[in-house]
Amino acid sequence: MTTPNELRLLPWSGPGDKPCYLSTDDPDGYMSRLADNIEAVQLGTAKALLDDASETVDNQDTSLDEMRCLVTELTGALRDVCRVATSRGRLRATSYPSESTY
């Protein structure tokens, strides 16, 4: 049986916003590659939003509605980035247990 620290936290959530995990011995399998690709998209989206946020904050003409929209998008992107970081930290700890600082 696979232990919880061997499971990969996937970059999406299930019903009720519960985490989804992948149990596999194949890091190049379809689901692993799908998760890698989605993580890459999520990180790219977060980077683009960060660039937009810098411009928006510097613009004195930004409306309150525009700021609320930006904050909502940034909150979602930050949530995704935290999930990716957690997942990758778990993968690293499983792959290189002697290097883990957790």
PDB file of N, CA and C in Angstrom:
ATOM      1  N   MET A   1       0.842  -1.191   0.000  1.00  0.00           N
ATOM      2  CA  MET A   1       0.000   0.000   0.000  1.00  0.00           C
ATOM      3  C   MET A   1       0.885   1.253   0.000  1.00  0.00           C
ATOM      4  N   THR A   2       0.480   2.262  -0.709  1.00  0.00           N
ATOM      5  CA  THR A   2       1.211   3.514  -0.780  1.00  0.00           C
ATOM      6  C   THR A   2       0.910   4.359   0.444  1.00  0.00           C
ATOM      7  N   THR A   3       1.952   4.908   1.054  1.00  0.00           N
ATOM      8  CA  THR A   3       1.751   5.757   2.221  1.00  0.00           C
ATOM      9  C   THR A   3       1.449   7.178   1.763  1.00  0.00           C
ATOM     10  N   PRO A   4       0.789   8.005   2.610  1.00  0.00           N
ATOM     11  CA  PRO A   4       0.402   9.358   2.199  1.00  0.00           C
ATOM     12  C   PRO A   4       1.565  10.227   1.737  1.00  0.00           C
ATOM     13  N   ASN A   5       2.778  10.040   2.318  1.00  0.00           N
ATOM     14  CA  ASN A   5       3.881  10.896   1.888  1.00  0.00           C
ATOM     15  C   ASN A   5       4.448  10.473   0.532  1.00  0.00           C
ATOM     16  N   GLU A   6       3.987   9.330  -0.016  1.00  0.00           N
ATOM     17  CA  GLU A   6       4.396   8.903  -1.342  1.00  0.00           C
ATOM     18  C   GLU A   6       3.407   9.341  -2.413  1.00  0.00           C
ATOM     19  N   LEU A   7       2.276   9.843  -2.009  1.00  0.00           N
ATOM     20  CA  LEU A   7       1.279  10.304  -2.961  1.00  0.00           C
ATOM     21  C   LEU A   7       1.647  11.677  -3.492  1.00  0.00           C
ATOM     22  N   ARG A   8       1.331  11.928  -4.747  1.00  0.00           N
ATOM     23  CA  ARG A   8       1.571  13.240  -5.336  1.00  0.00           C
ATOM     24  C   ARG A   8       0.301  14.073  -5.228  1.00  0.00           C
ATOM     25  N   LEU A   9       0.424  15.233  -4.631  1.00  0.00           N
ATOM     26  CA  LEU A   9      -0.684  16.181  -4.583  1.00  0.00           C
ATOM     27  C   LEU A   9      -0.852  16.750  -5.987  1.00  0.00           C
ATOM     28  N   LEU A  10      -2.036  16.582  -6.545  1.00  0.00           N
ATOM     29  CA  LEU A  10      -2.289  17.053  -7.904  1.00  0.00           C
ATOM     30  C   LEU A  10      -2.655  18.541  -7.903  1.00  0.00           C
ATOM     31  N   PRO A  11      -2.425  19.219  -9.023  1.00  0.00           N
ATOM     32  CA  PRO A  11      -2.650  20.668  -9.079  1.00  0.00           C
ATOM     33  C   PRO A  11      -4.105  21.065  -9.281  1.00  0.00           C
ATOM     34  N   TRP A  12      -5.018  20.216  -8.929  1.00  0.00           N
ATOM     35  CA  TRP A  12      -6.442  20.544  -8.986  1.00  0.00           C
ATOM     36  C   TRP A  12      -7.095  19.925  -7.764  1.00  0.00           C
ATOM     37  N   SER A  13      -8.268  20.386  -7.457  1.00  0.00           N
ATOM     38  CA  SER A  13      -8.977  19.845  -6.299  1.00  0.00           C
ATOM     39  C   SER A  13     -10.223  19.103  -6.761  1.00  0.00           C
ATOM     40  N   GLY A  14     -10.734  18.301  -5.859  1.00  0.00           N
ATOM     41  CA  GLY A  14     -11.923  17.521  -6.148  1.00  0.00           C
ATOM     42  C   GLY A  14     -13.163  18.184  -5.583  1.00  0.00           C
ATOM     43  N   PRO A  15     -14.257  17.435  -5.512  1.00  0.00           N
ATOM     44  CA  PRO A  15     -15.499  17.975  -4.955  1.00  0.00           C
ATOM     45  C   PRO A  15     -15.275  18.507  -3.534  1.00  0.00           C
ATOM     46  N   GLY A  16     -15.896  19.620  -3.266  1.00  0.00           N
ATOM     47  CA  GLY A  16     -15.750  20.236  -1.954  1.00  0.00           C
ATOM     48  C   GLY A  16     -14.371  20.828  -1.731  1.00  0.00           C
ATOM     49  N   ASP A  17     -13.645  21.087  -2.808  1.00  0.00           N
ATOM     50  CA  ASP A  17     -12.297  21.656  -2.771  1.00  0.00           C
ATOM     51  C   ASP A  17     -11.323  20.761  -1.995  1.00  0.00           C
ATOM     52  N   LYS A  18     -11.589  19.451  -2.008  1.00  0.00           N
ATOM     53  CA  LYS A  18     -10.707  18.505  -1.328  1.00  0.00           C
ATOM     54  C   LYS A  18      -9.524  18.178  -2.240  1.00  0.00           C
ATOM     55  N   PRO A  19      -8.356  17.950  -1.650  1.00  0.00           N
ATOM     56  CA  PRO A  19      -7.173  17.655  -2.461  1.00  0.00           C
ATOM     57  C   PRO A  19      -7.305  16.324  -3.197  1.00  0.00           C
ATOM     58  N   CYS A  20      -6.672  16.257  -4.351  1.00  0.00           N
ATOM     59  CA  CYS A  20      -6.600  15.030  -5.137  1.00  0.00           C
ATOM     60  C   CYS A  20      -5.148  14.558  -5.149  1.00  0.00           C
ATOM     61  N   TYR A  21      -4.964  13.266  -5.058  1.00  0.00           N
ATOM     62  CA  TYR A  21      -3.625  12.689  -5.014  1.00  0.00           C
ATOM     63  C   TYR A  21      -3.468  11.647  -6.103  1.00  0.00           C
ATOM     64  N   LEU A  22      -2.230  11.433  -6.523  1.00  0.00           N
ATOM     65  CA  LEU A  22      -1.897  10.428  -7.516  1.00  0.00           C
ATOM     66  C   LEU A  22      -0.941   9.432  -6.893  1.00  0.00           C
ATOM     67  N   SER A  23      -1.250   8.174  -7.043  1.00  0.00           N
ATOM     68  CA  SER A  23      -0.369   7.099  -6.599  1.00  0.00           C
ATOM     69  C   SER A  23       0.138   6.387  -7.843  1.00  0.00           C
ATOM     70  N   THR A  24       1.429   6.522  -8.125  1.00  0.00           N
ATOM     71  CA  THR A  24       2.007   5.884  -9.297  1.00  0.00           C
ATOM     72  C   THR A  24       3.501   5.689  -9.092  1.00  0.00           C
ATOM     73  N   ASP A  25       4.025   4.690  -9.742  1.00  0.00           N
ATOM     74  CA  ASP A  25       5.470   4.461  -9.757  1.00  0.00           C
ATOM     75  C   ASP A  25       6.090   5.001 -11.044  1.00  0.00           C
ATOM     76  N   ASP A  26       5.257   5.585 -11.906  1.00  0.00           N
ATOM     77  CA  ASP A  26       5.713   6.047 -13.215  1.00  0.00           C
ATOM     78  C   ASP A  26       5.635   7.570 -13.304  1.00  0.00           C
ATOM     79  N   PRO A  27       6.772   8.259 -13.064  1.00  0.00           N
ATOM     80  CA  PRO A  27       6.753   9.722 -13.140  1.00  0.00           C
ATOM     81  C   PRO A  27       6.545  10.252 -14.560  1.00  0.00           C
ATOM     82  N   ASP A  28       6.620   9.369 -15.553  1.00  0.00           N
ATOM     83  CA  ASP A  28       6.406   9.771 -16.945  1.00  0.00           C
ATOM     84  C   ASP A  28       5.067   9.287 -17.478  1.00  0.00           C
ATOM     85  N   GLY A  29       4.198   8.792 -16.599  1.00  0.00           N
ATOM     86  CA  GLY A  29       2.883   8.322 -17.007  1.00  0.00           C
ATOM     87  C   GLY A  29       1.984   9.483 -17.410  1.00  0.00           C
ATOM     88  N   TYR A  30       0.859   9.147 -17.994  1.00  0.00           N
ATOM     89  CA  TYR A  30      -0.071  10.156 -18.500  1.00  0.00           C
ATOM     90  C   TYR A  30      -0.493  11.154 -17.416  1.00  0.00           C
ATOM     91  N   MET A  31      -0.919  10.661 -16.265  1.00  0.00           N
ATOM     92  CA  MET A  31      -1.410  11.559 -15.209  1.00  0.00           C
ATOM     93  C   MET A  31      -0.284  12.419 -14.643  1.00  0.00           C
ATOM     94  N   SER A  32       0.911  11.861 -14.521  1.00  0.00           N
ATOM     95  CA  SER A  32       2.056  12.643 -14.035  1.00  0.00           C
ATOM     96  C   SER A  32       2.391  13.767 -15.018  1.00  0.00           C
ATOM     97  N   ARG A  33       2.397  13.442 -16.291  1.00  0.00           N
ATOM     98  CA  ARG A  33       2.678  14.473 -17.303  1.00  0.00           C
ATOM     99  C   ARG A  33       1.579  15.516 -17.355  1.00  0.00           C
ATOM    100  N   LEU A  34       0.329  15.085 -17.226  1.00  0.00           N
ATOM    101  CA  LEU A  34      -0.790  16.029 -17.199  1.00  0.00           C
ATOM    102  C   LEU A  34      -0.635  16.992 -16.021  1.00  0.00           C
ATOM    103  N   ALA A  35      -0.318  16.444 -14.856  1.00  0.00           N
ATOM    104  CA  ALA A  35      -0.124  17.285 -13.671  1.00  0.00           C
ATOM    105  C   ALA A  35       1.049  18.243 -13.878  1.00  0.00           C
ATOM    106  N   ASP A  36       2.148  17.765 -14.460  1.00  0.00           N
ATOM    107  CA  ASP A  36       3.305  18.631 -14.737  1.00  0.00           C
ATOM    108  C   ASP A  36       2.913  19.777 -15.658  1.00  0.00           C
ATOM    109  N   ASN A  37       2.143  19.469 -16.706  1.00  0.00           N
ATOM    110  CA  ASN A  37       1.727  20.500 -17.662  1.00  0.00           C
ATOM    111  C   ASN A  37       0.792  21.522 -17.014  1.00  0.00           C
ATOM    112  N   ILE A  38      -0.133  21.055 -16.206  1.00  0.00           N
ATOM    113  CA  ILE A  38      -1.055  21.980 -15.534  1.00  0.00           C
ATOM    114  C   ILE A  38      -0.291  22.854 -14.543  1.00  0.00           C
ATOM    115  N   GLU A  39       0.660  22.272 -13.821  1.00  0.00           N
ATOM    116  CA  GLU A  39       1.480  23.077 -12.910  1.00  0.00           C
ATOM    117  C   GLU A  39       2.228  24.169 -13.671  1.00  0.00           C
ATOM    118  N   ALA A  40       2.780  23.823 -14.835  1.00  0.00           N
ATOM    119  CA  ALA A  40       3.503  24.808 -15.643  1.00  0.00           C
ATOM    120  C   ALA A  40       2.579  25.945 -16.071  1.00  0.00           C
ATOM    121  N   VAL A  41       1.363  25.615 -16.469  1.00  0.00           N
ATOM    122  CA  VAL A  41       0.382  26.641 -16.848  1.00  0.00           C
ATOM    123  C   VAL A  41       0.037  27.512 -15.641  1.00  0.00           C
ATOM    124  N   GLN A  42      -0.178  26.888 -14.491  1.00  0.00           N
ATOM    125  CA  GLN A  42      -0.523  27.641 -13.281  1.00  0.00           C
ATOM    126  C   GLN A  42       0.600  28.599 -12.890  1.00  0.00           C
ATOM    127  N   LEU A  43       1.834  28.147 -12.955  1.00  0.00           N
ATOM    128  CA  LEU A  43       2.961  29.010 -12.611  1.00  0.00           C
ATOM    129  C   LEU A  43       3.115  30.142 -13.623  1.00  0.00           C
ATOM    130  N   GLY A  44       2.892  29.845 -14.904  1.00  0.00           N
ATOM    131  CA  GLY A  44       2.948  30.889 -15.933  1.00  0.00           C
ATOM    132  C   GLY A  44       1.858  31.925 -15.743  1.00  0.00           C
ATOM    133  N   THR A  45       0.673  31.470 -15.379  1.00  0.00           N
ATOM    134  CA  THR A  45      -0.439  32.387 -15.122  1.00  0.00           C
ATOM    135  C   THR A  45      -0.126  33.288 -13.932  1.00  0.00           C
ATOM    136  N   ALA A  46       0.439  32.712 -12.889  1.00  0.00           N
ATOM    137  CA  ALA A  46       0.794  33.500 -11.704  1.00  0.00           C
ATOM    138  C   ALA A  46       1.830  34.557 -12.054  1.00  0.00           C
ATOM    139  N   LYS A  47       2.809  34.201 -12.871  1.00  0.00           N
ATOM    140  CA  LYS A  47       3.840  35.165 -13.289  1.00  0.00           C
ATOM    141  C   LYS A  47       3.217  36.300 -14.089  1.00  0.00           C
ATOM    142  N   ALA A  48       2.328  35.979 -15.014  1.00  0.00           N
ATOM    143  CA  ALA A  48       1.668  37.001 -15.824  1.00  0.00           C
ATOM    144  C   ALA A  48       0.816  37.924 -14.948  1.00  0.00           C
ATOM    145  N   LEU A  49       0.101  37.340 -13.987  1.00  0.00           N
ATOM    146  CA  LEU A  49      -0.717  38.152 -13.074  1.00  0.00           C
ATOM    147  C   LEU A  49       0.147  39.068 -12.222  1.00  0.00           C
ATOM    148  N   LEU A  50       1.288  38.577 -11.800  1.00  0.00           N
ATOM    149  CA  LEU A  50       2.201  39.403 -11.008  1.00  0.00           C
ATOM    150  C   LEU A  50       2.690  40.598 -11.822  1.00  0.00           C
ATOM    151  N   ASP A  51       3.010  40.353 -13.085  1.00  0.00           N
ATOM    152  CA  ASP A  51       3.411  41.454 -13.963  1.00  0.00           C
ATOM    153  C   ASP A  51       2.275  42.459 -14.125  1.00  0.00           C
ATOM    154  N   ASP A  52       1.057  41.960 -14.337  1.00  0.00           N
ATOM    155  CA  ASP A  52      -0.114  42.832 -14.476  1.00  0.00           C
ATOM    156  C   ASP A  52      -0.361  43.611 -13.180  1.00  0.00           C
ATOM    157  N   ALA A  53      -0.179  42.961 -12.055  1.00  0.00           N
ATOM    158  CA  ALA A  53      -0.429  43.610 -10.772  1.00  0.00           C
ATOM    159  C   ALA A  53       0.510  44.787 -10.565  1.00  0.00           C
ATOM    160  N   SER A  54       1.757  44.625 -10.951  1.00  0.00           N
ATOM    161  CA  SER A  54       2.717  45.722 -10.808  1.00  0.00           C
ATOM    162  C   SER A  54       2.275  46.941 -11.603  1.00  0.00           C
ATOM    163  N   GLU A  55       1.811  46.700 -12.812  1.00  0.00           N
ATOM    164  CA  GLU A  55       1.338  47.806 -13.649  1.00  0.00           C
ATOM    165  C   GLU A  55       0.056  48.412 -13.087  1.00  0.00           C
ATOM    166  N   THR A  56      -0.848  47.575 -12.636  1.00  0.00           N
ATOM    167  CA  THR A  56      -2.144  48.045 -12.131  1.00  0.00           C
ATOM    168  C   THR A  56      -1.968  48.887 -10.881  1.00  0.00           C
ATOM    169  N   VAL A  57      -1.110  48.455  -9.990  1.00  0.00           N
ATOM    170  CA  VAL A  57      -0.887  49.193  -8.745  1.00  0.00           C
ATOM    171  C   VAL A  57      -0.256  50.556  -9.034  1.00  0.00           C
ATOM    172  N   ASP A  58       0.609  50.616 -10.037  1.00  0.00           N
ATOM    173  CA  ASP A  58       1.266  51.878 -10.390  1.00  0.00           C
ATOM    174  C   ASP A  58       0.338  52.848 -11.116  1.00  0.00           C
ATOM    175  N   ASN A  59      -0.777  52.354 -11.661  1.00  0.00           N
ATOM    176  CA  ASN A  59      -1.704  53.180 -12.421  1.00  0.00           C
ATOM    177  C   ASN A  59      -2.699  53.859 -11.471  1.00  0.00           C
ATOM    178  N   GLN A  60      -2.638  55.162 -11.384  1.00  0.00           N
ATOM    179  CA  GLN A  60      -3.520  55.933 -10.498  1.00  0.00           C
ATOM    180  C   GLN A  60      -4.978  55.897 -10.952  1.00  0.00           C
ATOM    181  N   ASP A  61      -5.212  55.541 -12.203  1.00  0.00           N
ATOM    182  CA  ASP A  61      -6.574  55.520 -12.735  1.00  0.00           C
ATOM    183  C   ASP A  61      -7.274  54.168 -12.555  1.00  0.00           C
ATOM    184  N   THR A  62      -6.636  53.236 -11.877  1.00  0.00           N
ATOM    185  CA  THR A  62      -7.234  51.923 -11.667  1.00  0.00           C
ATOM    186  C   THR A  62      -8.446  52.052 -10.751  1.00  0.00           C
ATOM    187  N   SER A  63      -9.561  51.494 -11.192  1.00  0.00           N
ATOM    188  CA  SER A  63     -10.791  51.586 -10.408  1.00  0.00           C
ATOM    189  C   SER A  63     -10.798  50.531  -9.296  1.00  0.00           C
ATOM    190  N   LEU A  64     -11.691  50.730  -8.350  1.00  0.00           N
ATOM    191  CA  LEU A  64     -11.852  49.779  -7.258  1.00  0.00           C
ATOM    192  C   LEU A  64     -12.299  48.412  -7.784  1.00  0.00           C
ATOM    193  N   ASP A  65     -13.176  48.398  -8.774  1.00  0.00           N
ATOM    194  CA  ASP A  65     -13.621  47.129  -9.372  1.00  0.00           C
ATOM    195  C   ASP A  65     -12.461  46.396 -10.043  1.00  0.00           C
ATOM    196  N   GLU A  66     -11.597  47.140 -10.730  1.00  0.00           N
ATOM    197  CA  GLU A  66     -10.431  46.518 -11.357  1.00  0.00           C
ATOM    198  C   GLU A  66      -9.496  45.922 -10.308  1.00  0.00           C
ATOM    199  N   MET A  67      -9.333  46.645  -9.198  1.00  0.00           N
ATOM    200  CA  MET A  67      -8.473  46.144  -8.115  1.00  0.00           C
ATOM    201  C   MET A  67      -9.072  44.891  -7.486  1.00  0.00           C
ATOM    202  N   ARG A  68     -10.378  44.880  -7.279  1.00  0.00           N
ATOM    203  CA  ARG A  68     -11.034  43.691  -6.711  1.00  0.00           C
ATOM    204  C   ARG A  68     -10.859  42.492  -7.623  1.00  0.00           C
ATOM    205  N   CYS A  69     -11.016  42.695  -8.906  1.00  0.00           N
ATOM    206  CA  CYS A  69     -10.842  41.623  -9.889  1.00  0.00           C
ATOM    207  C   CYS A  69      -9.406  41.098  -9.842  1.00  0.00           C
ATOM    208  N   LEU A  70      -8.447  42.003  -9.793  1.00  0.00           N
ATOM    209  CA  LEU A  70      -7.044  41.621  -9.723  1.00  0.00           C
ATOM    210  C   LEU A  70      -6.754  40.826  -8.447  1.00  0.00           C
ATOM    211  N   VAL A  71      -7.264  41.285  -7.328  1.00  0.00           N
ATOM    212  CA  VAL A  71      -7.047  40.582  -6.063  1.00  0.00           C
ATOM    213  C   VAL A  71      -7.661  39.187  -6.110  1.00  0.00           C
ATOM    214  N   THR A  72      -8.837  39.069  -6.696  1.00  0.00           N
ATOM    215  CA  THR A  72      -9.482  37.761  -6.829  1.00  0.00           C
ATOM    216  C   THR A  72      -8.615  36.820  -7.675  1.00  0.00           C
ATOM    217  N   GLU A  73      -8.122  37.318  -8.797  1.00  0.00           N
ATOM    218  CA  GLU A  73      -7.283  36.501  -9.667  1.00  0.00           C
ATOM    219  C   GLU A  73      -5.960  36.141  -8.991  1.00  0.00           C
ATOM    220  N   LEU A  74      -5.362  37.101  -8.291  1.00  0.00           N
ATOM    221  CA  LEU A  74      -4.110  36.840  -7.587  1.00  0.00           C
ATOM    222  C   LEU A  74      -4.297  35.819  -6.467  1.00  0.00           C
ATOM    223  N   THR A  75      -5.432  35.876  -5.788  1.00  0.00           N
ATOM    224  CA  THR A  75      -5.722  34.922  -4.720  1.00  0.00           C
ATOM    225  C   THR A  75      -5.788  33.499  -5.279  1.00  0.00           C
ATOM    226  N   GLY A  76      -6.461  33.330  -6.392  1.00  0.00           N
ATOM    227  CA  GLY A  76      -6.532  32.014  -7.025  1.00  0.00           C
ATOM    228  C   GLY A  76      -5.164  31.535  -7.486  1.00  0.00           C
ATOM    229  N   ALA A  77      -4.385  32.438  -8.077  1.00  0.00           N
ATOM    230  CA  ALA A  77      -3.050  32.076  -8.556  1.00  0.00           C
ATOM    231  C   ALA A  77      -2.134  31.711  -7.390  1.00  0.00           C
ATOM    232  N   LEU A  78      -2.227  32.450  -6.296  1.00  0.00           N
ATOM    233  CA  LEU A  78      -1.403  32.153  -5.122  1.00  0.00           C
ATOM    234  C   LEU A  78      -1.780  30.793  -4.539  1.00  0.00           C
ATOM    235  N   ARG A  79      -3.063  30.496  -4.521  1.00  0.00           N
ATOM    236  CA  ARG A  79      -3.522  29.186  -4.043  1.00  0.00           C
ATOM    237  C   ARG A  79      -2.917  28.071  -4.908  1.00  0.00           C
ATOM    238  N   ASP A  80      -2.926  28.267  -6.233  1.00  0.00           N
ATOM    239  CA  ASP A  80      -2.343  27.285  -7.142  1.00  0.00           C
ATOM    240  C   ASP A  80      -0.839  27.131  -6.912  1.00  0.00           C
ATOM    241  N   VAL A  81      -0.138  28.237  -6.753  1.00  0.00           N
ATOM    242  CA  VAL A  81       1.308  28.201  -6.549  1.00  0.00           C
ATOM    243  C   VAL A  81       1.645  27.494  -5.237  1.00  0.00           C
ATOM    244  N   CYS A  82       0.868  27.753  -4.192  1.00  0.00           N
ATOM    245  CA  CYS A  82       1.089  27.061  -2.914  1.00  0.00           C
ATOM    246  C   CYS A  82       0.885  25.560  -3.064  1.00  0.00           C
ATOM    247  N   ARG A  83      -0.119  25.156  -3.823  1.00  0.00           N
ATOM    248  CA  ARG A  83      -0.371  23.726  -4.049  1.00  0.00           C
ATOM    249  C   ARG A  83       0.789  23.100  -4.823  1.00  0.00           C
ATOM    250  N   VAL A  84       1.294  23.803  -5.844  1.00  0.00           N
ATOM    251  CA  VAL A  84       2.441  23.301  -6.608  1.00  0.00           C
ATOM    252  C   VAL A  84       3.658  23.172  -5.700  1.00  0.00           C
ATOM    253  N   ALA A  85       3.921  24.180  -4.875  1.00  0.00           N
ATOM    254  CA  ALA A  85       5.073  24.136  -3.968  1.00  0.00           C
ATOM    255  C   ALA A  85       4.945  22.983  -2.975  1.00  0.00           C
ATOM    256  N   THR A  86       3.763  22.774  -2.448  1.00  0.00           N
ATOM    257  CA  THR A  86       3.533  21.671  -1.517  1.00  0.00           C
ATOM    258  C   THR A  86       3.769  20.338  -2.213  1.00  0.00           C
ATOM    259  N   SER A  87       3.216  20.200  -3.412  1.00  0.00           N
ATOM    260  CA  SER A  87       3.371  18.962  -4.167  1.00  0.00           C
ATOM    261  C   SER A  87       4.836  18.691  -4.467  1.00  0.00           C
ATOM    262  N   ARG A  88       5.536  19.683  -4.940  1.00  0.00           N
ATOM    263  CA  ARG A  88       6.943  19.492  -5.304  1.00  0.00           C
ATOM    264  C   ARG A  88       7.797  19.244  -4.069  1.00  0.00           C
ATOM    265  N   GLY A  89       7.447  19.855  -2.955  1.00  0.00           N
ATOM    266  CA  GLY A  89       8.169  19.582  -1.712  1.00  0.00           C
ATOM    267  C   GLY A  89       7.997  18.142  -1.278  1.00  0.00           C
ATOM    268  N   ARG A  90       6.781  17.633  -1.412  1.00  0.00           N
ATOM    269  CA  ARG A  90       6.529  16.224  -1.064  1.00  0.00           C
ATOM    270  C   ARG A  90       7.256  15.290  -2.014  1.00  0.00           C
ATOM    271  N   LEU A  91       7.261  15.623  -3.302  1.00  0.00           N
ATOM    272  CA  LEU A  91       7.963  14.781  -4.265  1.00  0.00           C
ATOM    273  C   LEU A  91       9.453  14.757  -3.966  1.00  0.00           C
ATOM    274  N   ARG A  92      10.001  15.902  -3.641  1.00  0.00           N
ATOM    275  CA  ARG A  92      11.434  15.986  -3.329  1.00  0.00           C
ATOM    276  C   ARG A  92      11.750  15.188  -2.076  1.00  0.00           C
ATOM    277  N   ALA A  93      10.910  15.304  -1.058  1.00  0.00           N
ATOM    278  CA  ALA A  93      11.137  14.574   0.185  1.00  0.00           C
ATOM    279  C   ALA A  93      11.068  13.069  -0.044  1.00  0.00           C
ATOM    280  N   THR A  94      10.193  12.635  -0.944  1.00  0.00           N
ATOM    281  CA  THR A  94      10.066  11.214  -1.243  1.00  0.00           C
ATOM    282  C   THR A  94      11.243  10.724  -2.103  1.00  0.00           C
ATOM    283  N   SER A  95      11.665  11.556  -3.048  1.00  0.00           N
ATOM    284  CA  SER A  95      12.739  11.168  -3.955  1.00  0.00           C
ATOM    285  C   SER A  95      14.112  11.244  -3.295  1.00  0.00           C
ATOM    286  N   TYR A  96      14.278  12.233  -2.420  1.00  0.00           N
ATOM    287  CA  TYR A  96      15.572  12.471  -1.770  1.00  0.00           C
ATOM    288  C   TYR A  96      15.377  12.628  -0.273  1.00  0.00           C
ATOM    289  N   PRO A  97      15.001  11.566   0.433  1.00  0.00           N
ATOM    290  CA  PRO A  97      14.660  11.693   1.852  1.00  0.00           C
ATOM    291  C   PRO A  97      15.795  12.237   2.710  1.00  0.00           C
ATOM    292  N   SER A  98      17.048  11.991   2.364  1.00  0.00           N
ATOM    293  CA  SER A  98      18.151  12.478   3.188  1.00  0.00           C
ATOM    294  C   SER A  98      18.330  13.985   3.067  1.00  0.00           C
ATOM    295  N   GLU A  99      17.785  14.604   2.002  1.00  0.00           N
ATOM    296  CA  GLU A  99      17.893  16.039   1.809  1.00  0.00           C
ATOM    297  C   GLU A  99      16.712  16.805   2.370  1.00  0.00           C
ATOM    298  N   SER A 100      15.710  16.097   2.868  1.00  0.00           N
ATOM    299  CA  SER A 100      14.495  16.757   3.356  1.00  0.00           C
ATOM    300  C   SER A 100      14.787  17.543   4.617  1.00  0.00           C
ATOM    301  N   THR A 101      14.201  18.745   4.668  1.00  0.00           N
ATOM    302  CA  THR A 101      14.346  19.585   5.862  1.00  0.00           C
ATOM    303  C   THR A 101      13.034  19.720   6.588  1.00  0.00           C
ATOM    304  N   TYR A 102      12.058  18.892   6.271  1.00  0.00           N
ATOM    305  CA  TYR A 102      10.730  19.013   6.843  1.00  0.00           C
ATOM    306  C   TYR A 102      10.648  18.280   8.138  1.00  0.00           C
TER     307      TYR A 102
END
